[in-house]
C-alpha atoms as a PDB file:
ATOM      1  CA  UNK A   1      -4.744   6.663  -5.109  1.00  0.00           C
ATOM      2  CA  UNK A   2      -5.645   9.970  -3.727  1.00  0.00           C
ATOM      3  CA  UNK A   3      -4.518  11.191  -0.170  1.00  0.00           C
ATOM      4  CA  UNK A   4      -3.674   7.651   1.038  1.00  0.00           C
ATOM      5  CA  UNK A   5      -0.432   6.440  -0.610  1.00  0.00           C
ATOM      6  CA  UNK A   6       0.008   2.704  -1.414  1.00  0.00           C
ATOM      7  CA  UNK A   7       3.627   2.083  -1.842  1.00  0.00           C
ATOM      8  CA  UNK A   8       3.362  -1.169  -4.702  1.00  0.00           C
ATOM      9  CA  UNK A   9       0.964   1.453  -6.262  1.00  0.00           C
ATOM     10  CA  UNK A  10       3.826   3.807  -6.509  1.00  0.00           C
ATOM     11  CA  UNK A  11       6.109   1.336  -7.582  1.00  0.00           C
ATOM     12  CA  UNK A  12       4.170   0.416 -10.586  1.00  0.00           C
ATOM     13  CA  UNK A  13       3.814   4.164 -11.590  1.00  0.00           C
ATOM     14  CA  UNK A  14       6.964   3.870 -12.216  1.00  0.00           C
ATOM     15  CA  UNK A  15       7.019   1.026 -14.422  1.00  0.00           C
ATOM     16  CA  UNK A  16       5.488   0.148 -17.522  1.00  0.00           C
ATOM     17  CA  UNK A  17       2.531  -0.819 -15.785  1.00  0.00           C
ATOM     18  CA  UNK A  18      -1.149   0.895 -16.947  1.00  0.00           C
ATOM     19  CA  UNK A  19      -3.632   2.286 -14.633  1.00  0.00           C
ATOM     20  CA  UNK A  20      -6.962   1.419 -15.714  1.00  0.00           C
ATOM     21  CA  UNK A  21      -8.868   2.502 -12.722  1.00  0.00           C
ATOM     22  CA  UNK A  22      -8.094   2.928  -8.660  1.00  0.00           C
ATOM     23  CA  UNK A  23      -9.968   4.213  -5.977  1.00  0.00           C
ATOM     24  CA  UNK A  24      -9.634   4.187  -2.196  1.00  0.00           C
ATOM     25  CA  UNK A  25     -11.740   2.514   0.083  1.00  0.00           C
ATOM     26  CA  UNK A  26     -10.608   4.617   3.554  1.00  0.00           C
ATOM     27  CA  UNK A  27      -9.241   2.997   6.616  1.00  0.00           C
ATOM     28  CA  UNK A  28      -5.767   1.931   4.798  1.00  0.00           C
ATOM     29  CA  UNK A  29      -7.247  -0.017   1.595  1.00  0.00           C
ATOM     30  CA  UNK A  30      -7.377   0.965  -1.475  1.00  0.00           C
ATOM     31  CA  UNK A  31      -8.525  -0.804  -5.386  1.00  0.00           C
ATOM     32  CA  UNK A  32      -6.024  -0.689  -8.452  1.00  0.00           C
ATOM     33  CA  UNK A  33      -7.000  -2.132 -11.853  1.00  0.00           C
ATOM     34  CA  UNK A  34      -3.598  -2.614 -14.038  1.00  0.00           C
ATOM     35  CA  UNK A  35      -2.423  -3.704 -17.247  1.00  0.00           C
ATOM     36  CA  UNK A  36       1.252  -4.612 -18.500  1.00  0.00           C
ATOM     37  CA  UNK A  37       2.776  -6.300 -20.922  1.00  0.00           C
ATOM     38  CA  UNK A  38       6.947  -6.153 -21.163  1.00  0.00           C
ATOM     39  CA  UNK A  39       8.531  -4.942 -18.117  1.00  0.00           C
ATOM     40  CA  UNK A  40      10.775  -6.032 -15.451  1.00  0.00           C
ATOM     41  CA  UNK A  41       9.571  -5.196 -11.922  1.00  0.00           C
ATOM     42  CA  UNK A  42      11.171  -4.812  -8.477  1.00  0.00           C
ATOM     43  CA  UNK A  43       8.845  -4.474  -5.704  1.00  0.00           C
ATOM     44  CA  UNK A  44      10.980  -3.736  -2.173  1.00  0.00           C
ATOM     45  CA  UNK A  45       9.230  -3.561   1.180  1.00  0.00           C
ATOM     46  CA  UNK A  46       6.205  -1.632   1.329  1.00  0.00           C
ATOM     47  CA  UNK A  47       4.434  -1.246   4.622  1.00  0.00           C
ATOM     48  CA  UNK A  48       1.239  -2.590   3.597  1.00  0.00           C
ATOM     49  CA  UNK A  49      -0.065  -5.843   2.076  1.00  0.00           C
ATOM     50  CA  UNK A  50      -1.504  -6.427  -1.232  1.00  0.00           C
ATOM     51  CA  UNK A  51      -3.770  -9.191  -2.393  1.00  0.00           C
ATOM     52  CA  UNK A  52      -3.824  -9.702  -6.347  1.00  0.00           C
ATOM     53  CA  UNK A  53      -5.762 -11.225  -8.948  1.00  0.00           C
ATOM     54  CA  UNK A  54      -5.503 -12.003 -12.385  1.00  0.00           C
ATOM     55  CA  UNK A  55      -7.951 -11.135 -14.680  1.00  0.00           C
ATOM     56  CA  UNK A  56      -6.955 -12.456 -17.724  1.00  0.00           C
ATOM     57  CA  UNK A  57      -3.928 -13.960 -19.493  1.00  0.00           C
ATOM     58  CA  UNK A  58      -1.163 -13.590 -17.510  1.00  0.00           C
ATOM     59  CA  UNK A  59       0.290 -16.991 -18.721  1.00  0.00           C
ATOM     60  CA  UNK A  60       3.654 -14.972 -19.108  1.00  0.00           C
ATOM     61  CA  UNK A  61       4.436 -13.593 -15.730  1.00  0.00           C
ATOM     62  CA  UNK A  62       7.529 -14.820 -13.931  1.00  0.00           C
ATOM     63  CA  UNK A  63       8.513 -14.541 -10.378  1.00  0.00           C
ATOM     64  CA  UNK A  64      12.225 -14.842  -9.568  1.00  0.00           C
ATOM     65  CA  UNK A  65      12.491 -16.888  -6.390  1.00  0.00           C
ATOM     66  CA  UNK A  66      16.049 -18.434  -5.051  1.00  0.00           C
ATOM     67  CA  UNK A  67      16.069 -21.277  -7.335  1.00  0.00           C
ATOM     68  CA  UNK A  68      15.622 -19.488 -10.784  1.00  0.00           C
ATOM     69  CA  UNK A  69      12.477 -17.976 -12.236  1.00  0.00           C
ATOM     70  CA  UNK A  70       9.251 -19.613 -12.107  1.00  0.00           C
ATOM     71  CA  UNK A  71       5.578 -18.744 -13.348  1.00  0.00           C
ATOM     72  CA  UNK A  72       1.845 -20.039 -12.882  1.00  0.00           C
ATOM     73  CA  UNK A  73      -0.167 -17.306 -14.236  1.00  0.00           C
ATOM     74  CA  UNK A  74      -3.769 -17.112 -15.598  1.00  0.00           C
ATOM     75  CA  UNK A  75      -6.966 -15.997 -15.004  1.00  0.00           C
ATOM     76  CA  UNK A  76      -8.182 -16.109 -11.960  1.00  0.00           C
ATOM     77  CA  UNK A  77      -4.789 -16.904 -10.292  1.00  0.00           C
ATOM     78  CA  UNK A  78      -3.480 -15.097  -7.481  1.00  0.00           C
ATOM     79  CA  UNK A  79      -0.692 -13.165  -5.483  1.00  0.00           C
ATOM     80  CA  UNK A  80      -0.780 -12.571  -1.720  1.00  0.00           C
ATOM     81  CA  UNK A  81       2.210 -10.182  -0.955  1.00  0.00           C
ATOM     82  CA  UNK A  82       2.867  -9.690   2.792  1.00  0.00           C
ATOM     83  CA  UNK A  83       4.412  -6.081   3.693  1.00  0.00           C
ATOM     84  CA  UNK A  84       8.164  -6.089   3.905  1.00  0.00           C
ATOM     85  CA  UNK A  85       7.930  -8.412   0.861  1.00  0.00           C
ATOM     86  CA  UNK A  86      10.426  -7.472  -1.716  1.00  0.00           C
ATOM     87  CA  UNK A  87      10.580  -9.541  -5.069  1.00  0.00           C
ATOM     88  CA  UNK A  88      11.017  -9.517  -8.352  1.00  0.00           C
ATOM     89  CA  UNK A  89       8.727 -10.035 -11.868  1.00  0.00           C
ATOM     90  CA  UNK A  90       9.224 -10.535 -15.313  1.00  0.00           C
ATOM     91  CA  UNK A  91       6.008 -10.100 -17.499  1.00  0.00           C
ATOM     92  CA  UNK A  92       6.516 -11.378 -20.792  1.00  0.00           C
ATOM     93  CA  UNK A  93       3.579 -11.384 -22.318  1.00  0.00           C
ATOM     94  CA  UNK A  94      -0.337  -9.337 -21.694  1.00  0.00           C
ATOM     95  CA  UNK A  95      -1.916  -9.757 -18.337  1.00  0.00           C
ATOM     96  CA  UNK A  96      -4.471  -7.722 -16.565  1.00  0.00           C
ATOM     97  CA  UNK A  97      -4.883  -7.656 -12.642  1.00  0.00           C
ATOM     98  CA  UNK A  98      -6.495  -5.687  -9.597  1.00  0.00           C
ATOM     99  CA  UNK A  99      -4.527  -5.051  -6.405  1.00  0.00           C
ATOM    100  CA  UNK A 100      -6.143  -4.737  -3.381  1.00  0.00           C
ATOM    101  CA  UNK A 101      -3.885  -3.237  -0.737  1.00  0.00           C
ATOM    102  CA  UNK A 102      -3.815  -3.332   2.525  1.00  0.00           C
ATOM    103  CA  UNK A 103      -2.355  -2.340   6.001  1.00  0.00           C
ATOM    104  CA  UNK A 104      -1.924  -4.250   8.684  1.00  0.00           C
ATOM    105  CA  UNK A 105      -3.347  -1.944  11.316  1.00  0.00           C
ATOM    106  CA  UNK A 106      -6.529  -2.567   9.316  1.00  0.00           C
ATOM    107  CA  UNK A 107      -6.303  -6.064   9.135  1.00  0.00           C
ATOM    108  CA  UNK A 108      -5.579  -6.337  12.676  1.00  0.00           C
ATOM    109  CA  UNK A 109      -8.207  -3.658  13.694  1.00  0.00           C
ATOM    110  CA  UNK A 110     -10.723  -6.080  12.067  1.00  0.00           C
ATOM    111  CA  UNK A 111      -9.417  -9.307  13.601  1.00  0.00           C
ATOM    112  CA  UNK A 112     -10.142  -7.527  17.001  1.00  0.00           C
ATOM    113  CA  UNK A 113     -13.327  -6.009  15.713  1.00  0.00           C
ATOM    114  CA  UNK A 114     -14.604  -9.423  14.579  1.00  0.00           C
ATOM    115  CA  UNK A 115     -13.672 -11.925  17.075  1.00  0.00           C
ATOM    116  CA  UNK A 116     -13.292  -9.804  20.079  1.00  0.00           C
ATOM    117  CA  UNK A 117     -10.134 -10.071  20.862  1.00  0.00           C
ATOM    118  CA  UNK A 118      -6.199  -9.206  19.467  1.00  0.00           C
ATOM    119  CA  UNK A 119      -3.906 -12.232  17.811  1.00  0.00           C
ATOM    120  CA  UNK A 120      -0.680 -12.012  19.636  1.00  0.00           C
ATOM    121  CA  UNK A 121       1.204 -11.575  16.216  1.00  0.00           C
ATOM    122  CA  UNK A 122       0.421 -11.131  12.816  1.00  0.00           C
ATOM    123  CA  UNK A 123       1.988 -12.403   9.490  1.00  0.00           C
ATOM    124  CA  UNK A 124       0.434 -12.726   6.231  1.00  0.00           C
ATOM    125  CA  UNK A 125       1.621 -15.895   4.288  1.00  0.00           C
ATOM    126  CA  UNK A 126       2.238 -15.634   1.235  1.00  0.00           C
ATOM    127  CA  UNK A 127       0.989 -17.063  -1.578  1.00  0.00           C
ATOM    128  CA  UNK A 128       1.896 -17.402  -5.862  1.00  0.00           C
ATOM    129  CA  UNK A 129      -0.189 -18.413  -8.147  1.00  0.00           C
ATOM    130  CA  UNK A 130      -2.453 -20.386  -5.967  1.00  0.00           C
ATOM    131  CA  UNK A 131      -5.906 -20.971  -7.111  1.00  0.00           C
ATOM    132  CA  UNK A 132      -8.523 -19.734  -4.351  1.00  0.00           C
ATOM    133  CA  UNK A 133     -12.591 -19.918  -5.551  1.00  0.00           C
ATOM    134  CA  UNK A 134     -13.540 -17.860  -2.837  1.00  0.00           C
ATOM    135  CA  UNK A 135     -11.267 -15.460  -3.751  1.00  0.00           C
ATOM    136  CA  UNK A 136     -11.724 -15.129  -7.555  1.00  0.00           C
ATOM    137  CA  UNK A 137     -15.729 -15.209  -7.087  1.00  0.00           C
ATOM    138  CA  UNK A 138     -15.857 -11.570  -4.737  1.00  0.00           C
ATOM    139  CA  UNK A 139     -12.994 -10.057  -7.034  1.00  0.00           C
ATOM    140  CA  UNK A 140     -15.842 -10.561  -9.959  1.00  0.00           C
ATOM    141  CA  UNK A 141     -19.020 -10.415  -8.637  1.00  0.00           C
ATOM    142  CA  UNK A 142     -18.466  -7.853  -6.677  1.00  0.00           C
ATOM    143  CA  UNK A 143     -15.462  -5.294  -7.185  1.00  0.00           C
ATOM    144  CA  UNK A 144     -14.696  -5.765 -10.949  1.00  0.00           C
ATOM    145  CA  UNK A 145     -19.117  -5.304 -11.421  1.00  0.00           C
ATOM    146  CA  UNK A 146     -19.260  -1.893  -9.635  1.00  0.00           C
ATOM    147  CA  UNK A 147     -18.083   1.188 -10.462  1.00  0.00           C
ATOM    148  CA  UNK A 148     -16.028   2.445  -8.290  1.00  0.00           C
ATOM    149  CA  UNK A 149     -16.279   6.247  -8.581  1.00  0.00           C
ATOM    150  CA  UNK A 150     -20.191   5.727  -7.976  1.00  0.00           C
ATOM    151  CA  UNK A 151     -21.309   6.914  -4.948  1.00  0.00           C
ATOM    152  CA  UNK A 152     -24.484   4.428  -5.134  1.00  0.00           C
ATOM    153  CA  UNK A 153     -21.682   0.994  -5.326  1.00  0.00           C
ATOM    154  CA  UNK A 154     -19.831   2.248  -1.569  1.00  0.00           C
ATOM    155  CA  UNK A 155     -21.479   0.136   0.301  1.00  0.00           C
ATOM    156  CA  UNK A 156     -20.762  -2.861  -2.469  1.00  0.00           C
ATOM    157  CA  UNK A 157     -17.159  -2.501  -2.963  1.00  0.00           C
ATOM    158  CA  UNK A 158     -16.427  -1.669   1.466  1.00  0.00           C
ATOM    159  CA  UNK A 159     -18.605  -5.171   1.747  1.00  0.00           C
ATOM    160  CA  UNK A 160     -16.757  -7.243  -0.508  1.00  0.00           C
ATOM    161  CA  UNK A 161     -13.302  -6.223   0.902  1.00  0.00           C
ATOM    162  CA  UNK A 162     -14.844  -6.826   4.089  1.00  0.00           C
ATOM    163  CA  UNK A 163     -15.250 -10.194   3.259  1.00  0.00           C
ATOM    164  CA  UNK A 164     -12.095 -10.391   1.051  1.00  0.00           C
ATOM    165  CA  UNK A 165      -9.660  -9.595   4.022  1.00  0.00           C
ATOM    166  CA  UNK A 166     -12.039 -12.019   6.753  1.00  0.00           C
ATOM    167  CA  UNK A 167     -10.678 -14.504   4.025  1.00  0.00           C
ATOM    168  CA  UNK A 168      -7.787 -13.597   4.266  1.00  0.00           C
ATOM    169  CA  UNK A 169      -7.157 -13.226   7.946  1.00  0.00           C
ATOM    170  CA  UNK A 170      -9.367 -17.168   8.128  1.00  0.00           C
ATOM    171  CA  UNK A 171      -6.752 -18.901   5.347  1.00  0.00           C
ATOM    172  CA  UNK A 172      -3.788 -16.351   5.040  1.00  0.00           C
ATOM    173  CA  UNK A 173      -2.626 -15.915   8.306  1.00  0.00           C
ATOM    174  CA  UNK A 174      -1.898 -17.687  11.617  1.00  0.00           C
ATOM    175  CA  UNK A 175      -5.175 -16.823  13.341  1.00  0.00           C
ATOM    176  CA  UNK A 176      -6.849 -20.202  13.708  1.00  0.00           C
ATOM    177  CA  UNK A 177     -10.125 -18.830  15.376  1.00  0.00           C
ATOM    178  CA  UNK A 178     -13.315 -20.605  14.912  1.00  0.00           C
ATOM    179  CA  UNK A 179     -15.980 -18.196  13.142  1.00  0.00           C
ATOM    180  CA  UNK A 180     -17.527 -16.373  15.487  1.00  0.00           C
ATOM    181  CA  UNK A 181     -21.065 -17.600  16.483  1.00  0.00           C
ATOM    182  CA  UNK A 182     -24.068 -15.337  15.404  1.00  0.00           C
ATOM    183  CA  UNK A 183     -27.104 -15.509  17.343  1.00  0.00           C
ATOM    184  CA  UNK A 184     -30.040 -14.269  15.980  1.00  0.00           C
ATOM    185  CA  UNK A 185     -30.712 -11.289  14.112  1.00  0.00           C
ATOM    186  CA  UNK A 186     -30.887  -7.241  15.097  1.00  0.00           C
ATOM    187  CA  UNK A 187     -33.184  -6.604  17.894  1.00  0.00           C
ATOM    188  CA  UNK A 188     -36.306  -4.691  16.203  1.00  0.00           C
ATOM    189  CA  UNK A 189     -34.732  -1.250  17.649  1.00  0.00           C
ATOM    190  CA  UNK A 190     -31.833  -1.924  16.100  1.00  0.00           C
ATOM    191  CA  UNK A 191     -33.918  -2.528  12.428  1.00  0.00           C
ATOM    192  CA  UNK A 192     -36.275   0.115  12.971  1.00  0.00           C
ATOM    193  CA  UNK A 193     -33.101   2.880  13.561  1.00  0.00           C
ATOM    194  CA  UNK A 194     -30.897   1.492  10.546  1.00  0.00           C
ATOM    195  CA  UNK A 195     -34.311   1.404   8.026  1.00  0.00           C
ATOM    196  CA  UNK A 196     -34.434   4.865   9.001  1.00  0.00           C
ATOM    197  CA  UNK A 197     -30.970   6.201   9.034  1.00  0.00           C
ATOM    198  CA  UNK A 198     -30.779   4.268   5.060  1.00  0.00           C
ATOM    199  CA  UNK A 199     -33.388   5.916   3.936  1.00  0.00           C
ATOM    200  CA  UNK A 200     -32.610   9.069   4.973  1.00  0.00           C
ATOM    201  CA  UNK A 201     -28.656   9.203   4.067  1.00  0.00           C
ATOM    202  CA  UNK A 202     -29.670   7.481  -0.033  1.00  0.00           C
ATOM    203  CA  UNK A 203     -27.924  10.655  -1.058  1.00  0.00           C
ATOM    204  CA  UNK A 204     -24.756   9.831   0.632  1.00  0.00           C
ATOM    205  CA  UNK A 205     -21.974   7.056  -0.089  1.00  0.00           C
ATOM    206  CA  UNK A 206     -22.680   5.159   2.547  1.00  0.00           C
ATOM    207  CA  UNK A 207     -19.909   2.581   4.323  1.00  0.00           C
ATOM    208  CA  UNK A 208     -20.364  -0.856   5.583  1.00  0.00           C
ATOM    209  CA  UNK A 209     -18.970   0.708   8.666  1.00  0.00           C
ATOM    210  CA  UNK A 210     -21.130   3.445   8.561  1.00  0.00           C
ATOM    211  CA  UNK A 211     -23.812   1.520   9.195  1.00  0.00           C
ATOM    212  CA  UNK A 212     -22.357  -1.176  12.114  1.00  0.00           C
ATOM    213  CA  UNK A 213     -21.512   1.834  13.693  1.00  0.00           C
ATOM    214  CA  UNK A 214     -25.047   3.106  14.020  1.00  0.00           C
ATOM    215  CA  UNK A 215     -25.904  -0.532  15.821  1.00  0.00           C
ATOM    216  CA  UNK A 216     -22.278  -0.475  18.009  1.00  0.00           C
ATOM    217  CA  UNK A 217     -21.641  -3.413  16.140  1.00  0.00           C
ATOM    218  CA  UNK A 218     -18.512  -5.028  14.105  1.00  0.00           C
ATOM    219  CA  UNK A 219     -18.874  -5.397  10.266  1.00  0.00           C
ATOM    220  CA  UNK A 220     -18.664  -8.711  10.270  1.00  0.00           C
ATOM    221  CA  UNK A 221     -21.673  -9.327  13.356  1.00  0.00           C
ATOM    222  CA  UNK A 222     -23.425  -6.537  11.251  1.00  0.00           C
ATOM    223  CA  UNK A 223     -23.425  -7.606   8.089  1.00  0.00           C
ATOM    224  CA  UNK A 224     -24.348 -11.354   9.088  1.00  0.00           C
ATOM    225  CA  UNK A 225     -27.663  -9.951  11.545  1.00  0.00           C
ATOM    226  CA  UNK A 226     -28.564  -7.629   9.379  1.00  0.00           C
ATOM    227  CA  UNK A 227     -28.983 -10.540   6.298  1.00  0.00           C
ATOM    228  CA  UNK A 228     -30.625 -12.810   9.098  1.00  0.00           C
ATOM    229  CA  UNK A 229     -33.814 -10.282  10.289  1.00  0.00           C
ATOM    230  CA  UNK A 230     -34.089  -8.383   6.562  1.00  0.00           C
ATOM    231  CA  UNK A 231     -33.320 -11.901   3.875  1.00  0.00           C
ATOM    232  CA  UNK A 232     -30.924  -9.744   2.162  1.00  0.00           C
ATOM    233  CA  UNK A 233     -27.221  -8.095   2.802  1.00  0.00           C
ATOM    234  CA  UNK A 234     -26.658  -4.625   3.038  1.00  0.00           C
ATOM    235  CA  UNK A 235     -25.567  -3.385  -0.018  1.00  0.00           C
ATOM    236  CA  UNK A 236     -28.620  -4.966  -1.600  1.00  0.00           C
ATOM    237  CA  UNK A 237     -30.970  -3.434   0.681  1.00  0.00           C
ATOM    238  CA  UNK A 238     -29.616  -0.343   0.107  1.00  0.00           C
ATOM    239  CA  UNK A 239     -29.546  -0.747  -3.602  1.00  0.00           C
ATOM    240  CA  UNK A 240     -33.045  -2.169  -3.585  1.00  0.00           C
ATOM    241  CA  UNK A 241     -33.824   1.175  -1.881  1.00  0.00           C
ATOM    242  CA  UNK A 242     -32.460   3.270  -4.081  1.00  0.00           C
ATOM    243  CA  UNK A 243     -34.235   2.484  -7.422  1.00  0.00           C
ATOM    244  CA  UNK A 244     -37.400   2.496  -5.214  1.00  0.00           C
ATOM    245  CA  UNK A 245     -37.132   6.303  -3.642  1.00  0.00           C
ATOM    246  CA  UNK A 246     -36.248   6.578  -7.877  1.00  0.00           C
ATOM    247  CA  UNK A 247     -39.395   4.890  -9.092  1.00  0.00           C
ATOM    248  CA  UNK A 248     -41.273   7.354  -6.017  1.00  0.00           C
ATOM    249  CA  UNK A 249     -39.978  10.434  -8.272  1.00  0.00           C
ATOM    250  CA  UNK A 250     -40.189   9.110 -11.564  1.00  0.00           C
ATOM    251  CA  UNK A 251     -43.709   8.581 -10.851  1.00  0.00           C
ATOM    252  CA  UNK A 252     -44.532  11.738  -8.505  1.00  0.00           C
ATOM    253  CA  UNK A 253     -42.040  14.703  -8.998  1.00  0.00           C
ATOM    254  CA  UNK A 254     -41.126  16.760 -12.381  1.00  0.00           C
ATOM    255  CA  UNK A 255     -37.563  15.718 -11.489  1.00  0.00           C
ATOM    256  CA  UNK A 256     -34.770  15.614 -14.435  1.00  0.00           C
ATOM    257  CA  UNK A 257     -32.609  12.461 -14.425  1.00  0.00           C
ATOM    258  CA  UNK A 258     -29.488  13.961 -13.270  1.00  0.00           C
ATOM    259  CA  UNK A 259     -31.912  15.111 -10.359  1.00  0.00           C
ATOM    260  CA  UNK A 260     -33.605  11.633  -9.446  1.00  0.00           C
ATOM    261  CA  UNK A 261     -29.639   9.696 -10.252  1.00  0.00           C
ATOM    262  CA  UNK A 262     -28.575  11.976  -7.028  1.00  0.00           C
ATOM    263  CA  UNK A 263     -31.170  12.140  -4.717  1.00  0.00           C
ATOM    264  CA  UNK A 264     -30.845   8.219  -4.878  1.00  0.00           C
ATOM    265  CA  UNK A 265     -27.046   8.032  -4.536  1.00  0.00           C
ATOM    266  CA  UNK A 266     -25.725   7.779  -7.950  1.00  0.00           C
ATOM    267  CA  UNK A 267     -22.631  10.063  -8.997  1.00  0.00           C
ATOM    268  CA  UNK A 268     -24.291  10.379 -12.388  1.00  0.00           C
ATOM    269  CA  UNK A 269     -27.483   9.854 -14.705  1.00  0.00           C
ATOM    270  CA  UNK A 270     -25.740   7.448 -16.967  1.00  0.00           C
ATOM    271  CA  UNK A 271     -24.882   5.011 -14.027  1.00  0.00           C
ATOM    272  CA  UNK A 272     -28.572   5.476 -12.439  1.00  0.00           C
ATOM    273  CA  UNK A 273     -29.771   4.855 -15.882  1.00  0.00           C
ATOM    274  CA  UNK A 274     -28.072   1.357 -16.593  1.00  0.00           C
ATOM    275  CA  UNK A 275     -29.024   0.077 -13.113  1.00  0.00           C
ATOM    276  CA  UNK A 276     -32.411   1.245 -13.433  1.00  0.00           C
ATOM    277  CA  UNK A 277     -32.406  -0.472 -16.352  1.00  0.00           C
ATOM    278  CA  UNK A 278     -30.859  -3.824 -14.682  1.00  0.00           C
ATOM    279  CA  UNK A 279     -33.572  -3.642 -12.435  1.00  0.00           C
ATOM    280  CA  UNK A 280     -36.639  -3.109 -13.674  1.00  0.00           C
ATOM    281  CA  UNK A 281     -36.201  -3.987 -17.200  1.00  0.00           C
ATOM    282  CA  UNK A 282     -37.018   0.024 -18.662  1.00  0.00           C
ATOM    283  CA  UNK A 283     -35.582   2.974 -18.600  1.00  0.00           C
ATOM    284  CA  UNK A 284     -36.347   5.909 -16.576  1.00  0.00           C
ATOM    285  CA  UNK A 285     -37.203   7.906 -19.181  1.00  0.00           C
ATOM    286  CA  UNK A 286     -39.584   4.835 -20.108  1.00  0.00           C
ATOM    287  CA  UNK A 287     -40.486   4.403 -16.630  1.00  0.00           C
ATOM    288  CA  UNK A 288     -41.882   7.907 -16.072  1.00  0.00           C
ATOM    289  CA  UNK A 289     -43.192   7.272 -19.794  1.00  0.00           C
ATOM    290  CA  UNK A 290     -45.333   4.414 -18.814  1.00  0.00           C
ATOM    291  CA  UNK A 291     -46.411   6.070 -15.358  1.00  0.00           C
ATOM    292  CA  UNK A 292     -47.741   9.170 -16.787  1.00  0.00           C
ATOM    293  CA  UNK A 293     -49.994   7.494 -19.886  1.00  0.00           C
ATOM    294  CA  UNK A 294     -51.357   5.296 -17.836  1.00  0.00           C
ATOM    295  CA  UNK A 295     -52.591   7.375 -14.972  1.00  0.00           C
END
């Protein structure tokens, strides 16, 4: 979790918890995937919030309350631990889980950008072993299917974390504002500009904040207006453009697979090949060979 430090992350590293993967999304947001089996963990007064989702097992995870130990863990159960929150956990059996770390400053900024006003106070409500199908869906459909270290998945990760934190704001804080009204999509000039910007930056790890800034909109408004105008969310559109560019390069250039991958925003030929096969049903090499044979 380079550069940006999260105290819950650092605390778990000092216990038996095994780090599977981690990444920093920027703007005070980070992700970490963990495994634990036998551990007694004390978490004390972190200066950030933590949203935890149990991915597998967790049936023998116990939380120490004022009246003793409690459990209720299992796949897709979540725990939301506000900043300055102290807790003690006894992990008595296998547990795989993913943490989303986010600062109070980022959550407040998100609220201000989304609703164009600032909450007088912002407190996150503690949740233990809770069920929330929307959070489980976002974790499993976006965070767990993305490559956290490949540039091509940066937009998917930033989009999913934005959706998660907007969900936290609406359902697990005292903010009770209605969803902002989105009237219409992007203006024609904005559509032309953002499409040109995306096409000229496909080799870079694009983030939702980058694209929203190009249209001088909040991430919330941009994502919804973009989908209304182009029919797909930004991360899917960018993925389509990357793969279209890859097809063009495979047909009309002699670049090798790594060169094609890097030009289209993928960090490795392996990840590029996997995504290309998912999209077309054939590998990049097969695609190029078929094109050359059919000419």
